[in-house]
Each structure stands twice: as structure tokens, then as C-alpha cells.
Amino acid sequence: MTRRTVSLGLLFAAVAVLVAPASPAHAAVDGWSDGDAVVLNAFQAAQISNVAARADPAVALVRYMRAPQCNVVTGGLPEPGTAASGGAGADLPACGPTNGTIQPPVCVDGPAVLPLWRQQRSGAGAAWPSTWQLVFGYSCPEDQVPTFTAEDLRRLPLVSTAVTTQPPSGPVLVNVDSIMLADAASQSFTTDLLGFVVDVVATPAVYTWDYGDGSRPVSTTSPGRPYPEQDVVHVYTQPGTYTIGLVTTWTARYRVAGSGVWRDVVGTATTTTALPAWEAVERRAQLVATDCLQDPSGAGCG
């Protein structure tokens, strides 16, 4: 799950060494509540574990460990195996042959990260309970990074899409194709996300044109092609002055700097481009002896 529901400040509060909230009776594999903090993804689980590891063990009321999850439930609670490293949980027995470990996922960035477990005691110096509560199940290294959201994407300084037209400026003729061309280039950014350096590439996905003449806006995935292969065109049927607007919908992908794993941003951002007003005019065909280069003041010229 990737939804953000709490700040890191709330997560850090969950591992305060002097005050700890009441423990839940049961912990879910994909989410666990600690007072005002809700652990919903692997990144939050990793952060809360890292903060707890820096607490003074003599006075800490909450402690964590990484250990396999056995394929059993005892007293309504999942059961851990031996902790992965020394310290808390190192004296636990391994998952036995009849209650083997839950199969970890296959990950892209390396071996699966062991589940996170939690204990809470009543006060400094009090004995730790015999049971551990599951905070978050198996996850992957690539999951232990923050999620770059659509809101983050919309905060980036996306540049509005550049537009060219054929003809390049007015006047344009009524009942004749006016050709639209949008810049299809991606935009790249490097930004900070909760202490992680993140690369982001935004790509235009949908172009929505408003031709300013009362016709319905037109959406297309094509940025347009020039004459004679034009595919984004509009025909004005009445003379007048019109202002064209373009709304570009951007999709994006991101990665933590140094990682080869790109992830899609869930959601989109938009930019708006307003073109200078141009005039649509009506011209009548007539036979002439010279063209406008030879006679700029001739009929239909100027």
C-alpha cells in the first residue's frame, strides 16, 4: 500500500522511550496502528524501526526486531522465528519443520526484507513480554523508499507545453484546416523526498485543445504532426477573433537516485498553455494576373 496517512513526526512519536500507547490486541500483516501513527507501508516500517534502534534500551518501553514469520498463529497472534541479528529476539527458536516460514516475495532490488516485530513493556526496568506483535510483514528493498505521489508531482515546476501552429500566426482562413503542434518533450527533475534524492521524469500523455469558438474541447494523445500529415486540426466556420488554450496532462515515473528501478506515479498533473488571439477571416477566390509577392497591394493580399 502506498497511501500516506501520517507524517514521519507521528511515526517517530510512536517509538518514544518514556511514553508508549496501549498495544493493539492483534496486528495485521499489511498495516498496524500505534496510537496516532499508522504503519501502512514498508517505508514507514523501516523508518519507525530505525528510530527505535537509536533509543536507550535501558529506558525504552518499545523495541523492535526483524525476524521470519512462522506459518502458525498462537493465541491469535502471528509467531516469529529467530531474530535476524543479535539482541532482542535472538533467543527465539527458529520456525520448526511443521510450522515453516511464510514464503517471502521475490524482489527486484535484492532479497526480501524480514517482517518487523514489536514488543512493549509497562515501564523502564520491567520485564519484556514473551510474545511479539507483527507490525509489518515481508517487504522488498525497493518498497523501503517513500512513495512519490501525484501531489508531489504537482508541486514540481512543470513548464507549460510549447505550441506552434500552421499557419504560424493569423489570420487563418475559415473552412480551412488550422494545424496544431504541441511539444512532446519530457521534463526531468531531481528533488528531495523525505531525505531521499529522487529522479522524476514527467511525460505529456494527453493534450486537450479548446479552440475558443464555442466548440467542445478535443482530447488527443497525439502532439500533432505538420502538413501534409497533420492529425490535430481545427476548422473555423465563422470569421472572428479566437484564443486557443491547451491543457496538457502529464504522467510521470520516479526512482531513488542510484537505483535502477523506476516506478510509476499514481495520478497526473496538468499544465495550461494560452496562445495569443488570432483572427479567422473569410476570403473569396478570384483570378489575378500577379501574386502577392509581385503586387503586395493586389486583391486578397495584405
C-alpha atoms as a PDB file:
ATOM      1  CA  MET A   1       0.000   0.000   0.000  1.00  0.00           C
ATOM      2  CA  THR A   2       1.314   3.456  -0.752  1.00  0.00           C
ATOM      3  CA  ARG A   3      -1.153   5.904   0.780  1.00  0.00           C
ATOM      4  CA  ARG A   4       0.329   8.473   3.179  1.00  0.00           C
ATOM      5  CA  THR A   5      -1.781   8.956   6.273  1.00  0.00           C
ATOM      6  CA  VAL A   6       0.688  10.240   8.843  1.00  0.00           C
ATOM      7  CA  SER A   7       3.822  12.321   8.929  1.00  0.00           C
ATOM      8  CA  LEU A   8       7.194  10.962   9.930  1.00  0.00           C
ATOM      9  CA  GLY A   9       6.881  13.047  13.073  1.00  0.00           C
ATOM     10  CA  LEU A  10       3.955  10.895  14.161  1.00  0.00           C
ATOM     11  CA  LEU A  11       5.861   7.763  13.272  1.00  0.00           C
ATOM     12  CA  PHE A  12       8.786   8.896  15.387  1.00  0.00           C
ATOM     13  CA  ALA A  13       6.426   9.651  18.264  1.00  0.00           C
ATOM     14  CA  ALA A  14       5.376   6.023  18.204  1.00  0.00           C
ATOM     15  CA  VAL A  15       8.788   4.956  19.492  1.00  0.00           C
ATOM     16  CA  ALA A  16       9.158   7.464  22.319  1.00  0.00           C
ATOM     17  CA  VAL A  17      11.166   5.868  25.105  1.00  0.00           C
ATOM     18  CA  LEU A  18       9.215   7.270  28.046  1.00  0.00           C
ATOM     19  CA  VAL A  19       5.604   7.137  26.933  1.00  0.00           C
ATOM     20  CA  ALA A  20       4.094   4.335  24.878  1.00  0.00           C
ATOM     21  CA  PRO A  21       0.438   3.871  23.859  1.00  0.00           C
ATOM     22  CA  ALA A  22      -1.537   0.755  24.591  1.00  0.00           C
ATOM     23  CA  SER A  23      -0.790  -2.202  22.341  1.00  0.00           C
ATOM     24  CA  PRO A  24      -3.429  -3.447  19.915  1.00  0.00           C
ATOM     25  CA  ALA A  25      -4.782  -6.906  20.539  1.00  0.00           C
ATOM     26  CA  HIS A  26      -3.940  -8.022  17.054  1.00  0.00           C
ATOM     27  CA  ALA A  27      -1.560  -6.802  14.354  1.00  0.00           C
ATOM     28  CA  ALA A  28      -2.268  -7.105  10.649  1.00  0.00           C
ATOM     29  CA  VAL A  29       0.355  -8.112   8.117  1.00  0.00           C
ATOM     30  CA  ASP A  30      -0.263  -5.085   5.889  1.00  0.00           C
ATOM     31  CA  GLY A  31      -0.820  -2.371   8.467  1.00  0.00           C
ATOM     32  CA  TRP A  32      -0.543  -1.733  12.176  1.00  0.00           C
ATOM     33  CA  SER A  33      -1.687   1.124  14.427  1.00  0.00           C
ATOM     34  CA  ASP A  34       0.400   2.630  17.211  1.00  0.00           C
ATOM     35  CA  GLY A  35      -1.626   5.363  18.865  1.00  0.00           C
ATOM     36  CA  ASP A  36      -1.847   8.237  16.397  1.00  0.00           C
ATOM     37  CA  ALA A  37       0.620   6.631  13.986  1.00  0.00           C
ATOM     38  CA  VAL A  38      -0.421   4.159  11.336  1.00  0.00           C
ATOM     39  CA  VAL A  39       2.173   1.970   9.653  1.00  0.00           C
ATOM     40  CA  LEU A  40       0.818   1.335   6.176  1.00  0.00           C
ATOM     41  CA  ASN A  41       3.877   0.592   4.075  1.00  0.00           C
ATOM     42  CA  ALA A  42       7.393  -0.776   4.183  1.00  0.00           C
ATOM     43  CA  PHE A  43       8.970   2.680   4.164  1.00  0.00           C
ATOM     44  CA  GLN A  44       7.129   3.707   7.320  1.00  0.00           C
ATOM     45  CA  ALA A  45       8.026   0.393   8.963  1.00  0.00           C
ATOM     46  CA  ALA A  46      11.706   0.924   8.164  1.00  0.00           C
ATOM     47  CA  GLN A  47      11.649   4.481   9.498  1.00  0.00           C
ATOM     48  CA  ILE A  48       9.999   3.567  12.785  1.00  0.00           C
ATOM     49  CA  SER A  49      12.444   0.671  13.257  1.00  0.00           C
ATOM     50  CA  ASN A  50      15.470   2.885  12.565  1.00  0.00           C
ATOM     51  CA  VAL A  51      14.347   5.486  15.098  1.00  0.00           C
ATOM     52  CA  ALA A  52      13.695   2.841  17.748  1.00  0.00           C
ATOM     53  CA  ALA A  53      17.172   1.378  17.236  1.00  0.00           C
ATOM     54  CA  ARG A  54      18.688   4.650  18.467  1.00  0.00           C
ATOM     55  CA  ALA A  55      16.735   4.636  21.745  1.00  0.00           C
ATOM     56  CA  ASP A  56      18.415   3.783  25.065  1.00  0.00           C
ATOM     57  CA  PRO A  57      17.462   0.124  25.669  1.00  0.00           C
ATOM     58  CA  ALA A  58      17.567   0.630  29.450  1.00  0.00           C
ATOM     59  CA  VAL A  59      14.606   3.004  29.434  1.00  0.00           C
ATOM     60  CA  ALA A  60      12.863   2.179  26.164  1.00  0.00           C
ATOM     61  CA  LEU A  61       9.294   0.982  26.541  1.00  0.00           C
ATOM     62  CA  VAL A  62       9.078  -0.286  22.959  1.00  0.00           C
ATOM     63  CA  ARG A  63      11.552  -2.367  20.978  1.00  0.00           C
ATOM     64  CA  TYR A  64      11.612  -3.916  17.521  1.00  0.00           C
ATOM     65  CA  MET A  65      13.257  -6.796  15.712  1.00  0.00           C
ATOM     66  CA  ARG A  66      13.439  -8.264  12.218  1.00  0.00           C
ATOM     67  CA  ALA A  67      12.622 -11.975  12.117  1.00  0.00           C
ATOM     68  CA  PRO A  68      10.955 -14.539   9.837  1.00  0.00           C
ATOM     69  CA  GLN A  69       7.234 -15.108  10.203  1.00  0.00           C
ATOM     70  CA  CYS A  70       6.323 -18.682  11.029  1.00  0.00           C
ATOM     71  CA  ASN A  71       3.388 -20.285   9.299  1.00  0.00           C
ATOM     72  CA  VAL A  72       1.387 -20.516  12.529  1.00  0.00           C
ATOM     73  CA  VAL A  73      -0.797 -18.332  14.735  1.00  0.00           C
ATOM     74  CA  THR A  74      -0.575 -18.762  18.505  1.00  0.00           C
ATOM     75  CA  GLY A  75      -3.156 -17.173  20.766  1.00  0.00           C
ATOM     76  CA  GLY A  76      -4.463 -15.103  17.880  1.00  0.00           C
ATOM     77  CA  LEU A  77      -1.053 -13.614  17.125  1.00  0.00           C
ATOM     78  CA  PRO A  78       1.418 -14.380  14.306  1.00  0.00           C
ATOM     79  CA  GLU A  79       4.552 -16.126  15.547  1.00  0.00           C
ATOM     80  CA  PRO A  80       8.125 -15.023  14.758  1.00  0.00           C
ATOM     81  CA  GLY A  81      11.216 -17.127  14.234  1.00  0.00           C
ATOM     82  CA  THR A  82      14.727 -16.287  15.433  1.00  0.00           C
ATOM     83  CA  ALA A  83      15.723 -12.638  15.038  1.00  0.00           C
ATOM     84  CA  ALA A  84      17.999 -11.927  12.098  1.00  0.00           C
ATOM     85  CA  SER A  85      20.720 -10.329  14.234  1.00  0.00           C
ATOM     86  CA  GLY A  86      21.828 -10.333  17.830  1.00  0.00           C
ATOM     87  CA  GLY A  87      19.868  -8.531  20.510  1.00  0.00           C
ATOM     88  CA  ALA A  88      16.139  -8.685  21.066  1.00  0.00           C
ATOM     89  CA  GLY A  89      14.654 -11.900  19.710  1.00  0.00           C
ATOM     90  CA  ALA A  90      17.977 -13.661  19.236  1.00  0.00           C
ATOM     91  CA  ASP A  91      16.945 -16.326  21.767  1.00  0.00           C
ATOM     92  CA  LEU A  92      13.741 -17.237  19.935  1.00  0.00           C
ATOM     93  CA  PRO A  93      13.582 -20.698  18.369  1.00  0.00           C
ATOM     94  CA  ALA A  94      13.541 -20.955  14.605  1.00  0.00           C
ATOM     95  CA  CYS A  95      10.333 -21.814  12.825  1.00  0.00           C
ATOM     96  CA  GLY A  96      10.087 -25.595  13.062  1.00  0.00           C
ATOM     97  CA  PRO A  97       9.648 -28.113  10.248  1.00  0.00           C
ATOM     98  CA  THR A  98       5.913 -28.310  10.935  1.00  0.00           C
ATOM     99  CA  ASN A  99       5.438 -24.547  11.027  1.00  0.00           C
ATOM    100  CA  GLY A 100       7.849 -23.386   8.337  1.00  0.00           C
ATOM    101  CA  THR A 101       8.256 -19.761   7.431  1.00  0.00           C
ATOM    102  CA  ILE A 102       5.827 -17.905   5.235  1.00  0.00           C
ATOM    103  CA  GLN A 103       7.242 -17.683   1.731  1.00  0.00           C
ATOM    104  CA  PRO A 104       8.871 -14.260   1.191  1.00  0.00           C
ATOM    105  CA  PRO A 105       8.237 -12.337  -2.035  1.00  0.00           C
ATOM    106  CA  VAL A 106      10.606 -12.260  -4.999  1.00  0.00           C
ATOM    107  CA  CYS A 107      12.109  -8.769  -5.105  1.00  0.00           C
ATOM    108  CA  VAL A 108      13.785  -6.669  -7.777  1.00  0.00           C
ATOM    109  CA  ASP A 109      16.463  -4.922  -5.711  1.00  0.00           C
ATOM    110  CA  GLY A 110      17.652  -7.891  -3.646  1.00  0.00           C
ATOM    111  CA  PRO A 111      16.452 -10.425  -1.067  1.00  0.00           C
ATOM    112  CA  ALA A 112      13.177  -9.795   0.734  1.00  0.00           C
ATOM    113  CA  VAL A 113      13.275  -7.769   3.948  1.00  0.00           C
ATOM    114  CA  LEU A 114      12.204  -9.741   7.009  1.00  0.00           C
ATOM    115  CA  PRO A 115       8.987  -8.829   8.836  1.00  0.00           C
ATOM    116  CA  LEU A 116       9.114  -6.178  11.568  1.00  0.00           C
ATOM    117  CA  TRP A 117       8.028  -7.211  15.092  1.00  0.00           C
ATOM    118  CA  ARG A 118       7.315  -5.171  18.207  1.00  0.00           C
ATOM    119  CA  GLN A 119       7.257  -5.576  21.984  1.00  0.00           C
ATOM    120  CA  GLN A 120       6.046  -3.139  24.640  1.00  0.00           C
ATOM    121  CA  ARG A 121       6.583  -3.230  28.385  1.00  0.00           C
ATOM    122  CA  SER A 122       4.867  -1.375  31.208  1.00  0.00           C
ATOM    123  CA  GLY A 123       7.833   0.661  32.425  1.00  0.00           C
ATOM    124  CA  ALA A 124      11.593   1.088  32.436  1.00  0.00           C
ATOM    125  CA  GLY A 125      13.166  -1.916  34.138  1.00  0.00           C
ATOM    126  CA  ALA A 126      10.029  -4.036  33.751  1.00  0.00           C
ATOM    127  CA  ALA A 127      10.298  -7.411  32.085  1.00  0.00           C
ATOM    128  CA  TRP A 128       9.545  -7.652  28.394  1.00  0.00           C
ATOM    129  CA  PRO A 129       6.538  -9.796  27.466  1.00  0.00           C
ATOM    130  CA  SER A 130       7.074 -13.243  25.993  1.00  0.00           C
ATOM    131  CA  THR A 131       5.151 -12.513  22.803  1.00  0.00           C
ATOM    132  CA  TRP A 132       5.920 -10.313  19.826  1.00  0.00           C
ATOM    133  CA  GLN A 133       3.403  -8.441  17.698  1.00  0.00           C
ATOM    134  CA  LEU A 134       3.718  -8.260  13.935  1.00  0.00           C
ATOM    135  CA  VAL A 135       3.997  -4.664  12.694  1.00  0.00           C
ATOM    136  CA  PHE A 136       4.637  -5.295   9.005  1.00  0.00           C
ATOM    137  CA  GLY A 137       5.187  -8.466   7.009  1.00  0.00           C
ATOM    138  CA  TYR A 138       7.724  -9.334   4.344  1.00  0.00           C
ATOM    139  CA  SER A 139       8.631  -6.488   2.013  1.00  0.00           C
ATOM    140  CA  CYS A 140      11.171  -5.700  -0.693  1.00  0.00           C
ATOM    141  CA  PRO A 141      14.143  -3.312  -0.572  1.00  0.00           C
ATOM    142  CA  GLU A 142      12.550  -1.240  -3.309  1.00  0.00           C
ATOM    143  CA  ASP A 143       9.486  -0.788  -1.088  1.00  0.00           C
ATOM    144  CA  GLN A 144      11.512   0.801   1.707  1.00  0.00           C
ATOM    145  CA  VAL A 145      11.607   4.159  -0.012  1.00  0.00           C
ATOM    146  CA  PRO A 146       8.973   6.892   0.180  1.00  0.00           C
ATOM    147  CA  THR A 147       6.210   6.987  -2.396  1.00  0.00           C
ATOM    148  CA  PHE A 148       6.313   9.914  -4.813  1.00  0.00           C
ATOM    149  CA  THR A 149       2.667  10.893  -5.083  1.00  0.00           C
ATOM    150  CA  ALA A 150       0.600  12.847  -7.576  1.00  0.00           C
ATOM    151  CA  GLU A 151       0.631  15.717  -5.067  1.00  0.00           C
ATOM    152  CA  ASP A 152       4.439  15.670  -5.163  1.00  0.00           C
ATOM    153  CA  LEU A 153       4.310  15.681  -8.963  1.00  0.00           C
ATOM    154  CA  ARG A 154       2.016  18.715  -8.988  1.00  0.00           C
ATOM    155  CA  ARG A 155       4.473  20.630  -6.817  1.00  0.00           C
ATOM    156  CA  LEU A 156       7.227  20.300  -9.419  1.00  0.00           C
ATOM    157  CA  PRO A 157       7.819  23.365 -11.648  1.00  0.00           C
ATOM    158  CA  LEU A 158       6.419  21.791 -14.806  1.00  0.00           C
ATOM    159  CA  VAL A 159       6.784  24.115 -17.779  1.00  0.00           C
ATOM    160  CA  SER A 160       3.662  24.642 -19.871  1.00  0.00           C
ATOM    161  CA  THR A 161       3.715  22.901 -23.224  1.00  0.00           C
ATOM    162  CA  ALA A 162       5.058  24.967 -26.105  1.00  0.00           C
ATOM    163  CA  VAL A 163       2.707  25.180 -29.088  1.00  0.00           C
ATOM    164  CA  THR A 164       3.274  26.028 -32.738  1.00  0.00           C
ATOM    165  CA  THR A 165       0.621  26.390 -35.406  1.00  0.00           C
ATOM    166  CA  GLN A 166       0.372  26.207 -39.150  1.00  0.00           C
ATOM    167  CA  PRO A 167      -0.030  28.912 -40.268  1.00  0.00           C
ATOM    168  CA  PRO A 168       2.326  30.287 -37.598  1.00  0.00           C
ATOM    169  CA  SER A 169       0.114  33.320 -36.930  1.00  0.00           C
ATOM    170  CA  GLY A 170      -3.156  34.839 -38.029  1.00  0.00           C
ATOM    171  CA  PRO A 171      -5.118  35.480 -39.953  1.00  0.00           C
ATOM    172  CA  VAL A 172      -6.346  31.974 -40.691  1.00  0.00           C
ATOM    173  CA  LEU A 173      -8.982  31.115 -43.223  1.00  0.00           C
ATOM    174  CA  VAL A 174     -12.433  29.883 -42.310  1.00  0.00           C
ATOM    175  CA  ASN A 175     -13.338  26.439 -43.638  1.00  0.00           C
ATOM    176  CA  VAL A 176      -9.622  25.557 -43.932  1.00  0.00           C
ATOM    177  CA  ASP A 177      -7.583  23.363 -41.577  1.00  0.00           C
ATOM    178  CA  SER A 178      -5.676  25.203 -38.849  1.00  0.00           C
ATOM    179  CA  ILE A 179      -2.911  22.837 -37.731  1.00  0.00           C
ATOM    180  CA  MET A 180      -1.823  22.463 -34.076  1.00  0.00           C
ATOM    181  CA  LEU A 181       1.558  21.142 -32.927  1.00  0.00           C
ATOM    182  CA  ALA A 182       2.435  20.603 -29.246  1.00  0.00           C
ATOM    183  CA  ASP A 183       5.915  19.970 -27.886  1.00  0.00           C
ATOM    184  CA  ALA A 184       6.059  16.307 -26.823  1.00  0.00           C
ATOM    185  CA  ALA A 185       9.312  16.550 -24.857  1.00  0.00           C
ATOM    186  CA  SER A 186       9.548  15.034 -21.381  1.00  0.00           C
ATOM    187  CA  GLN A 187      10.744  17.071 -18.414  1.00  0.00           C
ATOM    188  CA  SER A 188      13.270  15.745 -15.885  1.00  0.00           C
ATOM    189  CA  PHE A 189      13.712  16.793 -12.265  1.00  0.00           C
ATOM    190  CA  THR A 190      15.824  15.860  -9.261  1.00  0.00           C
ATOM    191  CA  THR A 191      14.129  16.575  -5.961  1.00  0.00           C
ATOM    192  CA  ASP A 192      14.221  15.674  -2.273  1.00  0.00           C
ATOM    193  CA  LEU A 193      11.589  13.377  -0.811  1.00  0.00           C
ATOM    194  CA  LEU A 194      11.797  12.807   2.949  1.00  0.00           C
ATOM    195  CA  GLY A 195      15.588  12.804   2.795  1.00  0.00           C
ATOM    196  CA  PHE A 196      15.847  10.699  -0.371  1.00  0.00           C
ATOM    197  CA  VAL A 197      17.183  12.168  -3.616  1.00  0.00           C
ATOM    198  CA  VAL A 198      14.596  11.275  -6.250  1.00  0.00           C
ATOM    199  CA  ASP A 199      14.769  11.471 -10.043  1.00  0.00           C
ATOM    200  CA  VAL A 200      11.459  12.237 -11.754  1.00  0.00           C
ATOM    201  CA  VAL A 201      10.609  12.169 -15.458  1.00  0.00           C
ATOM    202  CA  ALA A 202       7.276  13.713 -16.481  1.00  0.00           C
ATOM    203  CA  THR A 203       5.863  12.919 -19.921  1.00  0.00           C
ATOM    204  CA  PRO A 204       2.931  14.550 -21.712  1.00  0.00           C
ATOM    205  CA  ALA A 205       0.174  11.972 -22.116  1.00  0.00           C
ATOM    206  CA  VAL A 206      -2.989  13.789 -23.199  1.00  0.00           C
ATOM    207  CA  TYR A 207      -3.474  17.104 -24.978  1.00  0.00           C
ATOM    208  CA  THR A 208      -6.845  18.831 -24.600  1.00  0.00           C
ATOM    209  CA  TRP A 209      -7.452  21.673 -27.036  1.00  0.00           C
ATOM    210  CA  ASP A 210     -10.013  24.446 -26.619  1.00  0.00           C
ATOM    211  CA  TYR A 211     -10.259  26.370 -29.871  1.00  0.00           C
ATOM    212  CA  GLY A 212     -12.148  29.297 -28.368  1.00  0.00           C
ATOM    213  CA  ASP A 213     -15.086  29.244 -30.769  1.00  0.00           C
ATOM    214  CA  GLY A 214     -17.615  27.501 -28.544  1.00  0.00           C
ATOM    215  CA  SER A 215     -16.898  24.030 -29.902  1.00  0.00           C
ATOM    216  CA  ARG A 216     -16.246  21.203 -27.464  1.00  0.00           C
ATOM    217  CA  PRO A 217     -12.659  20.759 -26.253  1.00  0.00           C
ATOM    218  CA  VAL A 218     -10.872  17.929 -28.051  1.00  0.00           C
ATOM    219  CA  SER A 219      -8.530  15.496 -26.253  1.00  0.00           C
ATOM    220  CA  THR A 220      -5.875  13.502 -28.059  1.00  0.00           C
ATOM    221  CA  THR A 221      -2.739  11.540 -27.230  1.00  0.00           C
ATOM    222  CA  SER A 222      -1.015  12.873 -30.352  1.00  0.00           C
ATOM    223  CA  PRO A 223       1.040  16.060 -30.075  1.00  0.00           C
ATOM    224  CA  GLY A 224       0.189  16.749 -33.710  1.00  0.00           C
ATOM    225  CA  ARG A 225       2.066  16.441 -36.987  1.00  0.00           C
ATOM    226  CA  PRO A 226       2.924  19.124 -39.536  1.00  0.00           C
ATOM    227  CA  TYR A 227       1.448  19.487 -43.005  1.00  0.00           C
ATOM    228  CA  PRO A 228       0.860  17.397 -45.078  1.00  0.00           C
ATOM    229  CA  GLU A 229       0.434  14.666 -42.407  1.00  0.00           C
ATOM    230  CA  GLN A 230      -1.459  16.835 -39.956  1.00  0.00           C
ATOM    231  CA  ASP A 231      -3.644  14.975 -37.456  1.00  0.00           C
ATOM    232  CA  VAL A 232      -4.570  17.698 -34.946  1.00  0.00           C
ATOM    233  CA  VAL A 233      -6.553  20.333 -36.804  1.00  0.00           C
ATOM    234  CA  HIS A 234      -9.491  22.649 -36.346  1.00  0.00           C
ATOM    235  CA  VAL A 235     -11.726  24.327 -38.888  1.00  0.00           C
ATOM    236  CA  TYR A 236     -13.264  27.684 -38.006  1.00  0.00           C
ATOM    237  CA  THR A 237     -16.609  28.136 -39.700  1.00  0.00           C
ATOM    238  CA  GLN A 238     -17.168  31.792 -38.852  1.00  0.00           C
ATOM    239  CA  PRO A 239     -14.901  34.835 -39.070  1.00  0.00           C
ATOM    240  CA  GLY A 240     -13.811  36.171 -35.700  1.00  0.00           C
ATOM    241  CA  THR A 241     -11.014  36.523 -33.171  1.00  0.00           C
ATOM    242  CA  TYR A 242     -10.272  33.379 -31.197  1.00  0.00           C
ATOM    243  CA  THR A 243      -7.931  32.368 -28.373  1.00  0.00           C
ATOM    244  CA  ILE A 244      -6.715  28.772 -28.300  1.00  0.00           C
ATOM    245  CA  GLY A 245      -5.985  27.060 -24.985  1.00  0.00           C
ATOM    246  CA  LEU A 246      -4.186  23.775 -24.356  1.00  0.00           C
ATOM    247  CA  VAL A 247      -4.317  21.682 -21.184  1.00  0.00           C
ATOM    248  CA  THR A 248      -1.568  19.055 -21.067  1.00  0.00           C
ATOM    249  CA  THR A 249      -1.979  16.067 -18.764  1.00  0.00           C
ATOM    250  CA  TRP A 250       1.341  14.688 -17.531  1.00  0.00           C
ATOM    251  CA  THR A 251       2.181  11.225 -16.269  1.00  0.00           C
ATOM    252  CA  ALA A 252       5.458  10.522 -14.506  1.00  0.00           C
ATOM    253  CA  ARG A 253       7.814   7.891 -13.195  1.00  0.00           C
ATOM    254  CA  TYR A 254      10.400   8.189 -10.444  1.00  0.00           C
ATOM    255  CA  ARG A 255      13.314   6.413  -8.839  1.00  0.00           C
ATOM    256  CA  VAL A 256      15.545   6.909  -5.851  1.00  0.00           C
ATOM    257  CA  ALA A 257      18.860   8.246  -7.140  1.00  0.00           C
ATOM    258  CA  GLY A 258      21.278   5.387  -7.766  1.00  0.00           C
ATOM    259  CA  SER A 259      18.532   2.795  -8.113  1.00  0.00           C
ATOM    260  CA  GLY A 260      17.749   1.142 -11.421  1.00  0.00           C
ATOM    261  CA  VAL A 261      14.104   0.621 -10.507  1.00  0.00           C
ATOM    262  CA  TRP A 262      11.644   3.110 -11.947  1.00  0.00           C
ATOM    263  CA  ARG A 263       8.133   3.355 -10.529  1.00  0.00           C
ATOM    264  CA  ASP A 264       5.049   4.962 -11.994  1.00  0.00           C
ATOM    265  CA  VAL A 265       3.484   7.877 -10.159  1.00  0.00           C
ATOM    266  CA  VAL A 266      -0.150   7.118  -9.398  1.00  0.00           C
ATOM    267  CA  GLY A 267      -2.033  10.126 -10.703  1.00  0.00           C
ATOM    268  CA  THR A 268      -1.302  13.013 -13.045  1.00  0.00           C
ATOM    269  CA  ALA A 269      -0.519  16.713 -13.189  1.00  0.00           C
ATOM    270  CA  THR A 270      -1.691  19.328 -15.674  1.00  0.00           C
ATOM    271  CA  THR A 271      -0.295  22.480 -17.232  1.00  0.00           C
ATOM    272  CA  THR A 272      -2.126  25.138 -19.244  1.00  0.00           C
ATOM    273  CA  THR A 273      -0.939  26.979 -22.339  1.00  0.00           C
ATOM    274  CA  ALA A 274      -2.740  30.046 -23.703  1.00  0.00           C
ATOM    275  CA  LEU A 275      -1.930  31.130 -27.249  1.00  0.00           C
ATOM    276  CA  PRO A 276      -2.157  34.719 -28.482  1.00  0.00           C
ATOM    277  CA  ALA A 277      -5.511  35.541 -30.033  1.00  0.00           C
ATOM    278  CA  TRP A 278      -5.700  35.097 -33.775  1.00  0.00           C
ATOM    279  CA  GLU A 279      -8.203  36.060 -36.409  1.00  0.00           C
ATOM    280  CA  ALA A 280     -10.159  33.804 -38.710  1.00  0.00           C
ATOM    281  CA  VAL A 281     -11.145  35.550 -41.920  1.00  0.00           C
ATOM    282  CA  GLU A 282     -13.153  34.742 -44.987  1.00  0.00           C
ATOM    283  CA  ARG A 283     -11.552  35.148 -48.407  1.00  0.00           C
ATOM    284  CA  ARG A 284     -13.142  34.951 -51.825  1.00  0.00           C
ATOM    285  CA  ALA A 285     -11.292  33.320 -54.704  1.00  0.00           C
ATOM    286  CA  GLN A 286     -10.708  35.440 -57.783  1.00  0.00           C
ATOM    287  CA  LEU A 287      -8.452  35.369 -60.809  1.00  0.00           C
ATOM    288  CA  VAL A 288      -5.476  37.739 -60.722  1.00  0.00           C
ATOM    289  CA  ALA A 289      -2.582  38.428 -63.034  1.00  0.00           C
ATOM    290  CA  THR A 290       0.110  38.594 -60.332  1.00  0.00           C
ATOM    291  CA  ASP A 291       0.799  37.040 -56.942  1.00  0.00           C
ATOM    292  CA  CYS A 292       1.167  38.907 -53.657  1.00  0.00           C
ATOM    293  CA  LEU A 293       4.961  38.959 -53.892  1.00  0.00           C
ATOM    294  CA  GLN A 294       4.756  40.768 -57.183  1.00  0.00           C
ATOM    295  CA  ASP A 295       1.896  43.009 -56.111  1.00  0.00           C
ATOM    296  CA  PRO A 296       1.512  43.191 -52.298  1.00  0.00           C
ATOM    297  CA  SER A 297      -1.409  45.580 -52.666  1.00  0.00           C
ATOM    298  CA  GLY A 298      -3.310  43.285 -55.012  1.00  0.00           C
ATOM    299  CA  ALA A 299      -6.665  41.676 -54.289  1.00  0.00           C
ATOM    300  CA  GLY A 300      -6.515  39.264 -51.355  1.00  0.00           C
ATOM    301  CA  CYS A 301      -3.029  40.432 -50.279  1.00  0.00           C
ATOM    302  CA  GLY A 302      -2.189  42.153 -47.053  1.00  0.00           C
END
